[in-house]
Amino acid sequence: RFTQPECHAFFIFYAPDNAFIGTTKLD
């Protein structure tokens, strides 16, 4: 779903801790 043309979804990467911490999207 999140890789369809009408949706741009991302994982949130927090650089200071070198960690993925969540997700965000335009749907």
mmCIF file of all heavy atoms, coordinates in Angstrom:
data_MODEL
# 
_entry.id   MODEL 
# 
loop_
_atom_site.group_PDB 
_atom_site.id 
_atom_site.type_symbol 
_atom_site.label_atom_id 
_atom_site.label_alt_id 
_atom_site.label_comp_id 
_atom_site.label_asym_id 
_atom_site.label_entity_id 
_atom_site.label_seq_id 
_atom_site.pdbx_PDB_ins_code 
_atom_site.Cartn_x 
_atom_site.Cartn_y 
_atom_site.Cartn_z 
_atom_site.occupancy 
_atom_site.B_iso_or_equiv 
_atom_site.pdbx_formal_charge 
_atom_site.auth_seq_id 
_atom_site.auth_comp_id 
_atom_site.auth_asym_id 
_atom_site.auth_atom_id 
_atom_site.pdbx_PDB_model_num 
ATOM 1   N N   . ARG A 1 1  ? 0.816  -1.211 0.000  1.00 0.00 ? 1  ARG A N   1 
ATOM 2   C CA  . ARG A 1 1  ? 0.000  0.000  0.000  1.00 0.00 ? 1  ARG A CA  1 
ATOM 3   C C   . ARG A 1 1  ? 0.848  1.260  0.000  1.00 0.00 ? 1  ARG A C   1 
ATOM 4   O O   . ARG A 1 1  ? 0.568  2.229  -0.708 1.00 0.00 ? 1  ARG A O   1 
ATOM 5   C CB  . ARG A 1 1  ? -0.932 0.003  1.211  1.00 0.00 ? 1  ARG A CB  1 
ATOM 6   C CG  . ARG A 1 1  ? -1.935 1.120  1.137  1.00 0.00 ? 1  ARG A CG  1 
ATOM 7   C CD  . ARG A 1 1  ? -2.993 1.012  2.218  1.00 0.00 ? 1  ARG A CD  1 
ATOM 8   N NE  . ARG A 1 1  ? -3.159 2.355  2.728  1.00 0.00 ? 1  ARG A NE  1 
ATOM 9   C CZ  . ARG A 1 1  ? -3.072 2.714  3.984  1.00 0.00 ? 1  ARG A CZ  1 
ATOM 10  N NH1 . ARG A 1 1  ? -2.869 1.840  4.909  1.00 0.00 ? 1  ARG A NH1 1 
ATOM 11  N NH2 . ARG A 1 1  ? -3.220 3.952  4.337  1.00 0.00 ? 1  ARG A NH2 1 
ATOM 12  N N   . PHE A 1 2  ? 1.903  1.257  0.815  1.00 0.00 ? 2  PHE A N   1 
ATOM 13  C CA  . PHE A 1 2  ? 2.704  2.466  0.992  1.00 0.00 ? 2  PHE A CA  1 
ATOM 14  C C   . PHE A 1 2  ? 3.735  2.695  -0.110 1.00 0.00 ? 2  PHE A C   1 
ATOM 15  O O   . PHE A 1 2  ? 4.517  3.636  -0.039 1.00 0.00 ? 2  PHE A O   1 
ATOM 16  C CB  . PHE A 1 2  ? 3.387  2.465  2.350  1.00 0.00 ? 2  PHE A CB  1 
ATOM 17  C CG  . PHE A 1 2  ? 2.424  2.565  3.517  1.00 0.00 ? 2  PHE A CG  1 
ATOM 18  C CD1 . PHE A 1 2  ? 2.766  2.058  4.743  1.00 0.00 ? 2  PHE A CD1 1 
ATOM 19  C CD2 . PHE A 1 2  ? 1.189  3.162  3.376  1.00 0.00 ? 2  PHE A CD2 1 
ATOM 20  C CE1 . PHE A 1 2  ? 1.899  2.153  5.823  1.00 0.00 ? 2  PHE A CE1 1 
ATOM 21  C CE2 . PHE A 1 2  ? 0.312  3.263  4.439  1.00 0.00 ? 2  PHE A CE2 1 
ATOM 22  C CZ  . PHE A 1 2  ? 0.671  2.756  5.670  1.00 0.00 ? 2  PHE A CZ  1 
ATOM 23  N N   . THR A 1 3  ? 3.741  1.840  -1.120 1.00 0.00 ? 3  THR A N   1 
ATOM 24  C CA  . THR A 1 3  ? 4.637  2.054  -2.254 1.00 0.00 ? 3  THR A CA  1 
ATOM 25  C C   . THR A 1 3  ? 3.845  2.258  -3.548 1.00 0.00 ? 3  THR A C   1 
ATOM 26  O O   . THR A 1 3  ? 4.412  2.158  -4.629 1.00 0.00 ? 3  THR A O   1 
ATOM 27  C CB  . THR A 1 3  ? 5.647  0.894  -2.400 1.00 0.00 ? 3  THR A CB  1 
ATOM 28  O OG1 . THR A 1 3  ? 4.937  -0.346 -2.493 1.00 0.00 ? 3  THR A OG1 1 
ATOM 29  C CG2 . THR A 1 3  ? 6.594  0.834  -1.208 1.00 0.00 ? 3  THR A CG2 1 
ATOM 30  N N   . GLN A 1 4  ? 2.564  2.547  -3.427 1.00 0.00 ? 4  GLN A N   1 
ATOM 31  C CA  . GLN A 1 4  ? 1.720  2.866  -4.581 1.00 0.00 ? 4  GLN A CA  1 
ATOM 32  C C   . GLN A 1 4  ? 1.928  4.326  -4.977 1.00 0.00 ? 4  GLN A C   1 
ATOM 33  O O   . GLN A 1 4  ? 2.346  5.148  -4.145 1.00 0.00 ? 4  GLN A O   1 
ATOM 34  C CB  . GLN A 1 4  ? 0.245  2.623  -4.241 1.00 0.00 ? 4  GLN A CB  1 
ATOM 35  C CG  . GLN A 1 4  ? -0.101 1.187  -3.933 1.00 0.00 ? 4  GLN A CG  1 
ATOM 36  C CD  . GLN A 1 4  ? 0.187  0.278  -5.114 1.00 0.00 ? 4  GLN A CD  1 
ATOM 37  O OE1 . GLN A 1 4  ? -0.253 0.539  -6.226 1.00 0.00 ? 4  GLN A OE1 1 
ATOM 38  N NE2 . GLN A 1 4  ? 0.941  -0.781 -4.866 1.00 0.00 ? 4  GLN A NE2 1 
ATOM 39  N N   . PRO A 1 5  ? 1.627  4.684  -6.216 1.00 0.00 ? 5  PRO A N   1 
ATOM 40  C CA  . PRO A 1 5  ? 1.845  6.069  -6.674 1.00 0.00 ? 5  PRO A CA  1 
ATOM 41  C C   . PRO A 1 5  ? 1.120  7.135  -5.849 1.00 0.00 ? 5  PRO A C   1 
ATOM 42  O O   . PRO A 1 5  ? 1.624  8.243  -5.700 1.00 0.00 ? 5  PRO A O   1 
ATOM 43  C CB  . PRO A 1 5  ? 1.316  6.058  -8.117 1.00 0.00 ? 5  PRO A CB  1 
ATOM 44  C CG  . PRO A 1 5  ? 1.399  4.640  -8.538 1.00 0.00 ? 5  PRO A CG  1 
ATOM 45  C CD  . PRO A 1 5  ? 1.168  3.820  -7.302 1.00 0.00 ? 5  PRO A CD  1 
ATOM 46  N N   . GLU A 1 6  ? -0.043 6.797  -5.292 1.00 0.00 ? 6  GLU A N   1 
ATOM 47  C CA  . GLU A 1 6  ? -0.803 7.793  -4.533 1.00 0.00 ? 6  GLU A CA  1 
ATOM 48  C C   . GLU A 1 6  ? -0.406 7.857  -3.050 1.00 0.00 ? 6  GLU A C   1 
ATOM 49  O O   . GLU A 1 6  ? -1.042 8.529  -2.251 1.00 0.00 ? 6  GLU A O   1 
ATOM 50  C CB  . GLU A 1 6  ? -2.313 7.545  -4.659 1.00 0.00 ? 6  GLU A CB  1 
ATOM 51  C CG  . GLU A 1 6  ? -2.808 6.279  -4.009 1.00 0.00 ? 6  GLU A CG  1 
ATOM 52  C CD  . GLU A 1 6  ? -2.619 5.018  -4.864 1.00 0.00 ? 6  GLU A CD  1 
ATOM 53  O OE1 . GLU A 1 6  ? -2.186 5.102  -6.018 1.00 0.00 ? 6  GLU A OE1 1 
ATOM 54  O OE2 . GLU A 1 6  ? -2.897 3.936  -4.334 1.00 0.00 ? 6  GLU A OE2 1 
ATOM 55  N N   . CYS A 1 7  ? 0.661  7.166  -2.707 1.00 0.00 ? 7  CYS A N   1 
ATOM 56  C CA  . CYS A 1 7  ? 1.123  7.174  -1.315 1.00 0.00 ? 7  CYS A CA  1 
ATOM 57  C C   . CYS A 1 7  ? 2.651  7.248  -1.281 1.00 0.00 ? 7  CYS A C   1 
ATOM 58  O O   . CYS A 1 7  ? 3.325  6.474  -1.952 1.00 0.00 ? 7  CYS A O   1 
ATOM 59  C CB  . CYS A 1 7  ? 0.649  5.916  -0.600 1.00 0.00 ? 7  CYS A CB  1 
ATOM 60  S SG  . CYS A 1 7  ? 1.075  5.898  1.149  1.00 0.00 ? 7  CYS A SG  1 
ATOM 61  N N   . HIS A 1 8  ? 3.148  8.184  -0.520 1.00 0.00 ? 8  HIS A N   1 
ATOM 62  C CA  . HIS A 1 8  ? 4.589  8.297  -0.301 1.00 0.00 ? 8  HIS A CA  1 
ATOM 63  C C   . HIS A 1 8  ? 4.825  8.090  1.192  1.00 0.00 ? 8  HIS A C   1 
ATOM 64  O O   . HIS A 1 8  ? 4.467  8.939  1.996  1.00 0.00 ? 8  HIS A O   1 
ATOM 65  C CB  . HIS A 1 8  ? 5.109  9.663  -0.740 1.00 0.00 ? 8  HIS A CB  1 
ATOM 66  C CG  . HIS A 1 8  ? 5.015  9.884  -2.209 1.00 0.00 ? 8  HIS A CG  1 
ATOM 67  N ND1 . HIS A 1 8  ? 5.857  10.727 -2.873 1.00 0.00 ? 8  HIS A ND1 1 
ATOM 68  C CD2 . HIS A 1 8  ? 4.193  9.372  -3.164 1.00 0.00 ? 8  HIS A CD2 1 
ATOM 69  C CE1 . HIS A 1 8  ? 5.562  10.729 -4.154 1.00 0.00 ? 8  HIS A CE1 1 
ATOM 70  N NE2 . HIS A 1 8  ? 4.536  9.914  -4.341 1.00 0.00 ? 8  HIS A NE2 1 
ATOM 71  N N   . ALA A 1 9  ? 5.391  6.935  1.528  1.00 0.00 ? 9  ALA A N   1 
ATOM 72  C CA  . ALA A 1 9  ? 5.598  6.579  2.931  1.00 0.00 ? 9  ALA A CA  1 
ATOM 73  C C   . ALA A 1 9  ? 7.083  6.446  3.212  1.00 0.00 ? 9  ALA A C   1 
ATOM 74  O O   . ALA A 1 9  ? 7.861  6.045  2.350  1.00 0.00 ? 9  ALA A O   1 
ATOM 75  C CB  . ALA A 1 9  ? 4.871  5.278  3.258  1.00 0.00 ? 9  ALA A CB  1 
ATOM 76  N N   . PHE A 1 10 ? 7.441  6.775  4.436  1.00 0.00 ? 10 PHE A N   1 
ATOM 77  C CA  . PHE A 1 10 ? 8.838  6.817  4.845  1.00 0.00 ? 10 PHE A CA  1 
ATOM 78  C C   . PHE A 1 10 ? 9.025  6.228  6.234  1.00 0.00 ? 10 PHE A C   1 
ATOM 79  O O   . PHE A 1 10 ? 8.149  6.344  7.087  1.00 0.00 ? 10 PHE A O   1 
ATOM 80  C CB  . PHE A 1 10 ? 9.334  8.271  4.904  1.00 0.00 ? 10 PHE A CB  1 
ATOM 81  C CG  . PHE A 1 10 ? 9.117  9.038  3.647  1.00 0.00 ? 10 PHE A CG  1 
ATOM 82  C CD1 . PHE A 1 10 ? 7.951  9.764  3.447  1.00 0.00 ? 10 PHE A CD1 1 
ATOM 83  C CD2 . PHE A 1 10 ? 10.076 9.043  2.647  1.00 0.00 ? 10 PHE A CD2 1 
ATOM 84  C CE1 . PHE A 1 10 ? 7.739  10.486 2.282  1.00 0.00 ? 10 PHE A CE1 1 
ATOM 85  C CE2 . PHE A 1 10 ? 9.881  9.773  1.476  1.00 0.00 ? 10 PHE A CE2 1 
ATOM 86  C CZ  . PHE A 1 10 ? 8.710  10.491 1.294  1.00 0.00 ? 10 PHE A CZ  1 
ATOM 87  N N   . PHE A 1 11 ? 10.187 5.653  6.454  1.00 0.00 ? 11 PHE A N   1 
ATOM 88  C CA  . PHE A 1 11 ? 10.615 5.337  7.804  1.00 0.00 ? 11 PHE A CA  1 
ATOM 89  C C   . PHE A 1 11 ? 11.353 6.562  8.334  1.00 0.00 ? 11 PHE A C   1 
ATOM 90  O O   . PHE A 1 11 ? 12.066 7.238  7.578  1.00 0.00 ? 11 PHE A O   1 
ATOM 91  C CB  . PHE A 1 11 ? 11.544 4.116  7.828  1.00 0.00 ? 11 PHE A CB  1 
ATOM 92  C CG  . PHE A 1 11 ? 10.806 2.825  7.637  1.00 0.00 ? 11 PHE A CG  1 
ATOM 93  C CD1 . PHE A 1 11 ? 10.802 2.198  6.406  1.00 0.00 ? 11 PHE A CD1 1 
ATOM 94  C CD2 . PHE A 1 11 ? 10.099 2.260  8.687  1.00 0.00 ? 11 PHE A CD2 1 
ATOM 95  C CE1 . PHE A 1 11 ? 10.106 1.013  6.219  1.00 0.00 ? 11 PHE A CE1 1 
ATOM 96  C CE2 . PHE A 1 11 ? 9.403  1.075  8.506  1.00 0.00 ? 11 PHE A CE2 1 
ATOM 97  C CZ  . PHE A 1 11 ? 9.404  0.452  7.269  1.00 0.00 ? 11 PHE A CZ  1 
ATOM 98  N N   . ILE A 1 12 ? 11.168 6.840  9.599  1.00 0.00 ? 12 ILE A N   1 
ATOM 99  C CA  . ILE A 1 12 ? 11.835 7.981  10.229 1.00 0.00 ? 12 ILE A CA  1 
ATOM 100 C C   . ILE A 1 12 ? 13.142 7.481  10.822 1.00 0.00 ? 12 ILE A C   1 
ATOM 101 O O   . ILE A 1 12 ? 13.148 6.577  11.665 1.00 0.00 ? 12 ILE A O   1 
ATOM 102 C CB  . ILE A 1 12 ? 10.963 8.587  11.340 1.00 0.00 ? 12 ILE A CB  1 
ATOM 103 C CG1 . ILE A 1 12 ? 9.600  9.009  10.791 1.00 0.00 ? 12 ILE A CG1 1 
ATOM 104 C CG2 . ILE A 1 12 ? 11.691 9.755  12.006 1.00 0.00 ? 12 ILE A CG2 1 
ATOM 105 C CD1 . ILE A 1 12 ? 8.558  9.261  11.877 1.00 0.00 ? 12 ILE A CD1 1 
ATOM 106 N N   . PHE A 1 13 ? 14.234 8.083  10.374 1.00 0.00 ? 13 PHE A N   1 
ATOM 107 C CA  . PHE A 1 13 ? 15.567 7.737  10.864 1.00 0.00 ? 13 PHE A CA  1 
ATOM 108 C C   . PHE A 1 13 ? 16.063 8.890  11.717 1.00 0.00 ? 13 PHE A C   1 
ATOM 109 O O   . PHE A 1 13 ? 16.092 10.037 11.273 1.00 0.00 ? 13 PHE A O   1 
ATOM 110 C CB  . PHE A 1 13 ? 16.510 7.497  9.684  1.00 0.00 ? 13 PHE A CB  1 
ATOM 111 C CG  . PHE A 1 13 ? 17.890 7.068  10.097 1.00 0.00 ? 13 PHE A CG  1 
ATOM 112 C CD1 . PHE A 1 13 ? 18.135 5.762  10.475 1.00 0.00 ? 13 PHE A CD1 1 
ATOM 113 C CD2 . PHE A 1 13 ? 18.936 7.970  10.094 1.00 0.00 ? 13 PHE A CD2 1 
ATOM 114 C CE1 . PHE A 1 13 ? 19.413 5.359  10.851 1.00 0.00 ? 13 PHE A CE1 1 
ATOM 115 C CE2 . PHE A 1 13 ? 20.211 7.588  10.464 1.00 0.00 ? 13 PHE A CE2 1 
ATOM 116 C CZ  . PHE A 1 13 ? 20.453 6.280  10.839 1.00 0.00 ? 13 PHE A CZ  1 
ATOM 117 N N   . TYR A 1 14 ? 16.445 8.581  12.962 1.00 0.00 ? 14 TYR A N   1 
ATOM 118 C CA  . TYR A 1 14 ? 16.962 9.595  13.876 1.00 0.00 ? 14 TYR A CA  1 
ATOM 119 C C   . TYR A 1 14 ? 18.482 9.450  13.916 1.00 0.00 ? 14 TYR A C   1 
ATOM 120 O O   . TYR A 1 14 ? 19.023 8.532  14.534 1.00 0.00 ? 14 TYR A O   1 
ATOM 121 C CB  . TYR A 1 14 ? 16.338 9.440  15.261 1.00 0.00 ? 14 TYR A CB  1 
ATOM 122 C CG  . TYR A 1 14 ? 16.704 10.544 16.199 1.00 0.00 ? 14 TYR A CG  1 
ATOM 123 C CD1 . TYR A 1 14 ? 16.354 11.869 15.924 1.00 0.00 ? 14 TYR A CD1 1 
ATOM 124 C CD2 . TYR A 1 14 ? 17.392 10.288 17.374 1.00 0.00 ? 14 TYR A CD2 1 
ATOM 125 C CE1 . TYR A 1 14 ? 16.685 12.895 16.783 1.00 0.00 ? 14 TYR A CE1 1 
ATOM 126 C CE2 . TYR A 1 14 ? 17.723 11.311 18.243 1.00 0.00 ? 14 TYR A CE2 1 
ATOM 127 C CZ  . TYR A 1 14 ? 17.374 12.613 17.942 1.00 0.00 ? 14 TYR A CZ  1 
ATOM 128 O OH  . TYR A 1 14 ? 17.712 13.638 18.803 1.00 0.00 ? 14 TYR A OH  1 
ATOM 129 N N   . ALA A 1 15 ? 19.166 10.342 13.208 1.00 0.00 ? 15 ALA A N   1 
ATOM 130 C CA  . ALA A 1 15 ? 20.605 10.231 12.984 1.00 0.00 ? 15 ALA A CA  1 
ATOM 131 C C   . ALA A 1 15 ? 21.452 10.241 14.264 1.00 0.00 ? 15 ALA A C   1 
ATOM 132 O O   . ALA A 1 15 ? 22.407 9.465  14.351 1.00 0.00 ? 15 ALA A O   1 
ATOM 133 C CB  . ALA A 1 15 ? 21.068 11.325 12.026 1.00 0.00 ? 15 ALA A CB  1 
ATOM 134 N N   . PRO A 1 16 ? 21.140 11.083 15.262 1.00 0.00 ? 16 PRO A N   1 
ATOM 135 C CA  . PRO A 1 16 ? 22.016 11.085 16.447 1.00 0.00 ? 16 PRO A CA  1 
ATOM 136 C C   . PRO A 1 16 ? 22.149 9.716  17.119 1.00 0.00 ? 16 PRO A C   1 
ATOM 137 O O   . PRO A 1 16 ? 23.184 9.414  17.701 1.00 0.00 ? 16 PRO A O   1 
ATOM 138 C CB  . PRO A 1 16 ? 21.356 12.099 17.382 1.00 0.00 ? 16 PRO A CB  1 
ATOM 139 C CG  . PRO A 1 16 ? 20.655 13.042 16.454 1.00 0.00 ? 16 PRO A CG  1 
ATOM 140 C CD  . PRO A 1 16 ? 20.148 12.158 15.334 1.00 0.00 ? 16 PRO A CD  1 
ATOM 141 N N   . ASP A 1 17 ? 21.101 8.904  17.028 1.00 0.00 ? 17 ASP A N   1 
ATOM 142 C CA  . ASP A 1 17 ? 21.139 7.572  17.645 1.00 0.00 ? 17 ASP A CA  1 
ATOM 143 C C   . ASP A 1 17 ? 21.288 6.460  16.602 1.00 0.00 ? 17 ASP A C   1 
ATOM 144 O O   . ASP A 1 17 ? 21.244 5.277  16.962 1.00 0.00 ? 17 ASP A O   1 
ATOM 145 C CB  . ASP A 1 17 ? 19.881 7.333  18.471 1.00 0.00 ? 17 ASP A CB  1 
ATOM 146 C CG  . ASP A 1 17 ? 19.811 8.251  19.686 1.00 0.00 ? 17 ASP A CG  1 
ATOM 147 O OD1 . ASP A 1 17 ? 20.840 8.873  20.040 1.00 0.00 ? 17 ASP A OD1 1 
ATOM 148 O OD2 . ASP A 1 17 ? 18.725 8.354  20.280 1.00 0.00 ? 17 ASP A OD2 1 
ATOM 149 N N   . ASN A 1 18 ? 21.407 6.839  15.331 1.00 0.00 ? 18 ASN A N   1 
ATOM 150 C CA  . ASN A 1 18 ? 21.537 5.858  14.258 1.00 0.00 ? 18 ASN A CA  1 
ATOM 151 C C   . ASN A 1 18 ? 20.417 4.814  14.342 1.00 0.00 ? 18 ASN A C   1 
ATOM 152 O O   . ASN A 1 18 ? 20.661 3.606  14.301 1.00 0.00 ? 18 ASN A O   1 
ATOM 153 C CB  . ASN A 1 18 ? 22.915 5.192  14.301 1.00 0.00 ? 18 ASN A CB  1 
ATOM 154 C CG  . ASN A 1 18 ? 23.238 4.458  13.029 1.00 0.00 ? 18 ASN A CG  1 
ATOM 155 O OD1 . ASN A 1 18 ? 22.869 4.892  11.948 1.00 0.00 ? 18 ASN A OD1 1 
ATOM 156 N ND2 . ASN A 1 18 ? 23.914 3.330  13.158 1.00 0.00 ? 18 ASN A ND2 1 
ATOM 157 N N   . ALA A 1 19 ? 19.160 5.307  14.473 1.00 0.00 ? 19 ALA A N   1 
ATOM 158 C CA  . ALA A 1 19 ? 18.039 4.404  14.728 1.00 0.00 ? 19 ALA A CA  1 
ATOM 159 C C   . ALA A 1 19 ? 16.802 4.813  13.935 1.00 0.00 ? 19 ALA A C   1 
ATOM 160 O O   . ALA A 1 19 ? 16.510 6.003  13.789 1.00 0.00 ? 19 ALA A O   1 
ATOM 161 C CB  . ALA A 1 19 ? 17.709 4.413  16.215 1.00 0.00 ? 19 ALA A CB  1 
ATOM 162 N N   . PHE A 1 20 ? 16.076 3.808  13.466 1.00 0.00 ? 20 PHE A N   1 
ATOM 163 C CA  . PHE A 1 20 ? 14.754 4.035  12.904 1.00 0.00 ? 20 PHE A CA  1 
ATOM 164 C C   . PHE A 1 20 ? 13.782 4.092  14.074 1.00 0.00 ? 20 PHE A C   1 
ATOM 165 O O   . PHE A 1 20 ? 13.813 3.234  14.958 1.00 0.00 ? 20 PHE A O   1 
ATOM 166 C CB  . PHE A 1 20 ? 14.365 2.917  11.937 1.00 0.00 ? 20 PHE A CB  1 
ATOM 167 C CG  . PHE A 1 20 ? 15.077 3.014  10.624 1.00 0.00 ? 20 PHE A CG  1 
ATOM 168 C CD1 . PHE A 1 20 ? 16.196 2.236  10.371 1.00 0.00 ? 20 PHE A CD1 1 
ATOM 169 C CD2 . PHE A 1 20 ? 14.630 3.888  9.642  1.00 0.00 ? 20 PHE A CD2 1 
ATOM 170 C CE1 . PHE A 1 20 ? 16.854 2.324  9.159  1.00 0.00 ? 20 PHE A CE1 1 
ATOM 171 C CE2 . PHE A 1 20 ? 15.282 3.989  8.425  1.00 0.00 ? 20 PHE A CE2 1 
ATOM 172 C CZ  . PHE A 1 20 ? 16.404 3.216  8.179  1.00 0.00 ? 20 PHE A CZ  1 
ATOM 173 N N   . ILE A 1 21 ? 12.926 5.127  14.086 1.00 0.00 ? 21 ILE A N   1 
ATOM 174 C CA  . ILE A 1 21 ? 12.075 5.336  15.251 1.00 0.00 ? 21 ILE A CA  1 
ATOM 175 C C   . ILE A 1 21 ? 10.583 5.364  14.927 1.00 0.00 ? 21 ILE A C   1 
ATOM 176 O O   . ILE A 1 21 ? 9.768  5.455  15.845 1.00 0.00 ? 21 ILE A O   1 
ATOM 177 C CB  . ILE A 1 21 ? 12.462 6.625  15.999 1.00 0.00 ? 21 ILE A CB  1 
ATOM 178 C CG1 . ILE A 1 21 ? 12.236 7.850  15.115 1.00 0.00 ? 21 ILE A CG1 1 
ATOM 179 C CG2 . ILE A 1 21 ? 13.904 6.541  16.473 1.00 0.00 ? 21 ILE A CG2 1 
ATOM 180 C CD1 . ILE A 1 21 ? 12.295 9.162  15.869 1.00 0.00 ? 21 ILE A CD1 1 
ATOM 181 N N   . GLY A 1 22 ? 10.208 5.308  13.654 1.00 0.00 ? 22 GLY A N   1 
ATOM 182 C CA  . GLY A 1 22 ? 8.793  5.356  13.328 1.00 0.00 ? 22 GLY A CA  1 
ATOM 183 C C   . GLY A 1 22 ? 8.562  5.472  11.838 1.00 0.00 ? 22 GLY A C   1 
ATOM 184 O O   . GLY A 1 22 ? 9.459  5.190  11.033 1.00 0.00 ? 22 GLY A O   1 
ATOM 185 N N   . THR A 1 23 ? 7.355  5.907  11.483 1.00 0.00 ? 23 THR A N   1 
ATOM 186 C CA  . THR A 1 23 ? 6.964  6.050  10.081 1.00 0.00 ? 23 THR A CA  1 
ATOM 187 C C   . THR A 1 23 ? 6.183  7.343  9.887  1.00 0.00 ? 23 THR A C   1 
ATOM 188 O O   . THR A 1 23 ? 5.608  7.882  10.832 1.00 0.00 ? 23 THR A O   1 
ATOM 189 C CB  . THR A 1 23 ? 6.085  4.876  9.612  1.00 0.00 ? 23 THR A CB  1 
ATOM 190 O OG1 . THR A 1 23 ? 4.855  4.882  10.347 1.00 0.00 ? 23 THR A OG1 1 
ATOM 191 C CG2 . THR A 1 23 ? 6.784  3.538  9.788  1.00 0.00 ? 23 THR A CG2 1 
ATOM 192 N N   . THR A 1 24 ? 6.153  7.776  8.644  1.00 0.00 ? 24 THR A N   1 
ATOM 193 C CA  . THR A 1 24 ? 5.321  8.924  8.275  1.00 0.00 ? 24 THR A CA  1 
ATOM 194 C C   . THR A 1 24 ? 4.911  8.751  6.816  1.00 0.00 ? 24 THR A C   1 
ATOM 195 O O   . THR A 1 24 ? 5.539  7.983  6.083  1.00 0.00 ? 24 THR A O   1 
ATOM 196 C CB  . THR A 1 24 ? 6.059  10.258 8.503  1.00 0.00 ? 24 THR A CB  1 
ATOM 197 O OG1 . THR A 1 24 ? 5.138  11.337 8.338  1.00 0.00 ? 24 THR A OG1 1 
ATOM 198 C CG2 . THR A 1 24 ? 7.245  10.422 7.580  1.00 0.00 ? 24 THR A CG2 1 
ATOM 199 N N   . LYS A 1 25 ? 3.852  9.451  6.421  1.00 0.00 ? 25 LYS A N   1 
ATOM 200 C CA  . LYS A 1 25 ? 3.361  9.257  5.057  1.00 0.00 ? 25 LYS A CA  1 
ATOM 201 C C   . LYS A 1 25 ? 2.522  10.428 4.589  1.00 0.00 ? 25 LYS A C   1 
ATOM 202 O O   . LYS A 1 25 ? 1.979  11.200 5.389  1.00 0.00 ? 25 LYS A O   1 
ATOM 203 C CB  . LYS A 1 25 ? 2.513  7.997  4.975  1.00 0.00 ? 25 LYS A CB  1 
ATOM 204 C CG  . LYS A 1 25 ? 1.213  8.111  5.767  1.00 0.00 ? 25 LYS A CG  1 
ATOM 205 C CD  . LYS A 1 25 ? 0.372  6.881  5.658  1.00 0.00 ? 25 LYS A CD  1 
ATOM 206 C CE  . LYS A 1 25 ? -0.884 7.060  6.501  1.00 0.00 ? 25 LYS A CE  1 
ATOM 207 N NZ  . LYS A 1 25 ? -1.862 6.049  6.260  1.00 0.00 ? 25 LYS A NZ  1 
ATOM 208 N N   . LEU A 1 26 ? 2.445  10.536 3.280  1.00 0.00 ? 26 LEU A N   1 
ATOM 209 C CA  . LEU A 1 26 ? 1.435  11.323 2.586  1.00 0.00 ? 26 LEU A CA  1 
ATOM 210 C C   . LEU A 1 26 ? 0.630  10.287 1.814  1.00 0.00 ? 26 LEU A C   1 
ATOM 211 O O   . LEU A 1 26 ? 1.184  9.555  0.992  1.00 0.00 ? 26 LEU A O   1 
ATOM 212 C CB  . LEU A 1 26 ? 2.070  12.336 1.638  1.00 0.00 ? 26 LEU A CB  1 
ATOM 213 C CG  . LEU A 1 26 ? 2.839  13.461 2.312  1.00 0.00 ? 26 LEU A CG  1 
ATOM 214 C CD1 . LEU A 1 26 ? 3.589  14.287 1.277  1.00 0.00 ? 26 LEU A CD1 1 
ATOM 215 C CD2 . LEU A 1 26 ? 1.911  14.337 3.135  1.00 0.00 ? 26 LEU A CD2 1 
ATOM 216 N N   . ASP A 1 27 ? -0.663 10.203 2.080  1.00 0.00 ? 27 ASP A N   1 
ATOM 217 C CA  . ASP A 1 27 ? -1.499 9.146  1.518  1.00 0.00 ? 27 ASP A CA  1 
ATOM 218 C C   . ASP A 1 27 ? -2.680 9.756  0.782  1.00 0.00 ? 27 ASP A C   1 
ATOM 219 O O   . ASP A 1 27 ? -3.059 10.901 1.035  1.00 0.00 ? 27 ASP A O   1 
ATOM 220 C CB  . ASP A 1 27 ? -1.991 8.247  2.651  1.00 0.00 ? 27 ASP A CB  1 
ATOM 221 C CG  . ASP A 1 27 ? -2.443 6.873  2.186  1.00 0.00 ? 27 ASP A CG  1 
ATOM 222 O OD1 . ASP A 1 27 ? -2.449 6.616  0.968  1.00 0.00 ? 27 ASP A OD1 1 
ATOM 223 O OD2 . ASP A 1 27 ? -2.793 6.056  3.049  1.00 0.00 ? 27 ASP A OD2 1 
# 
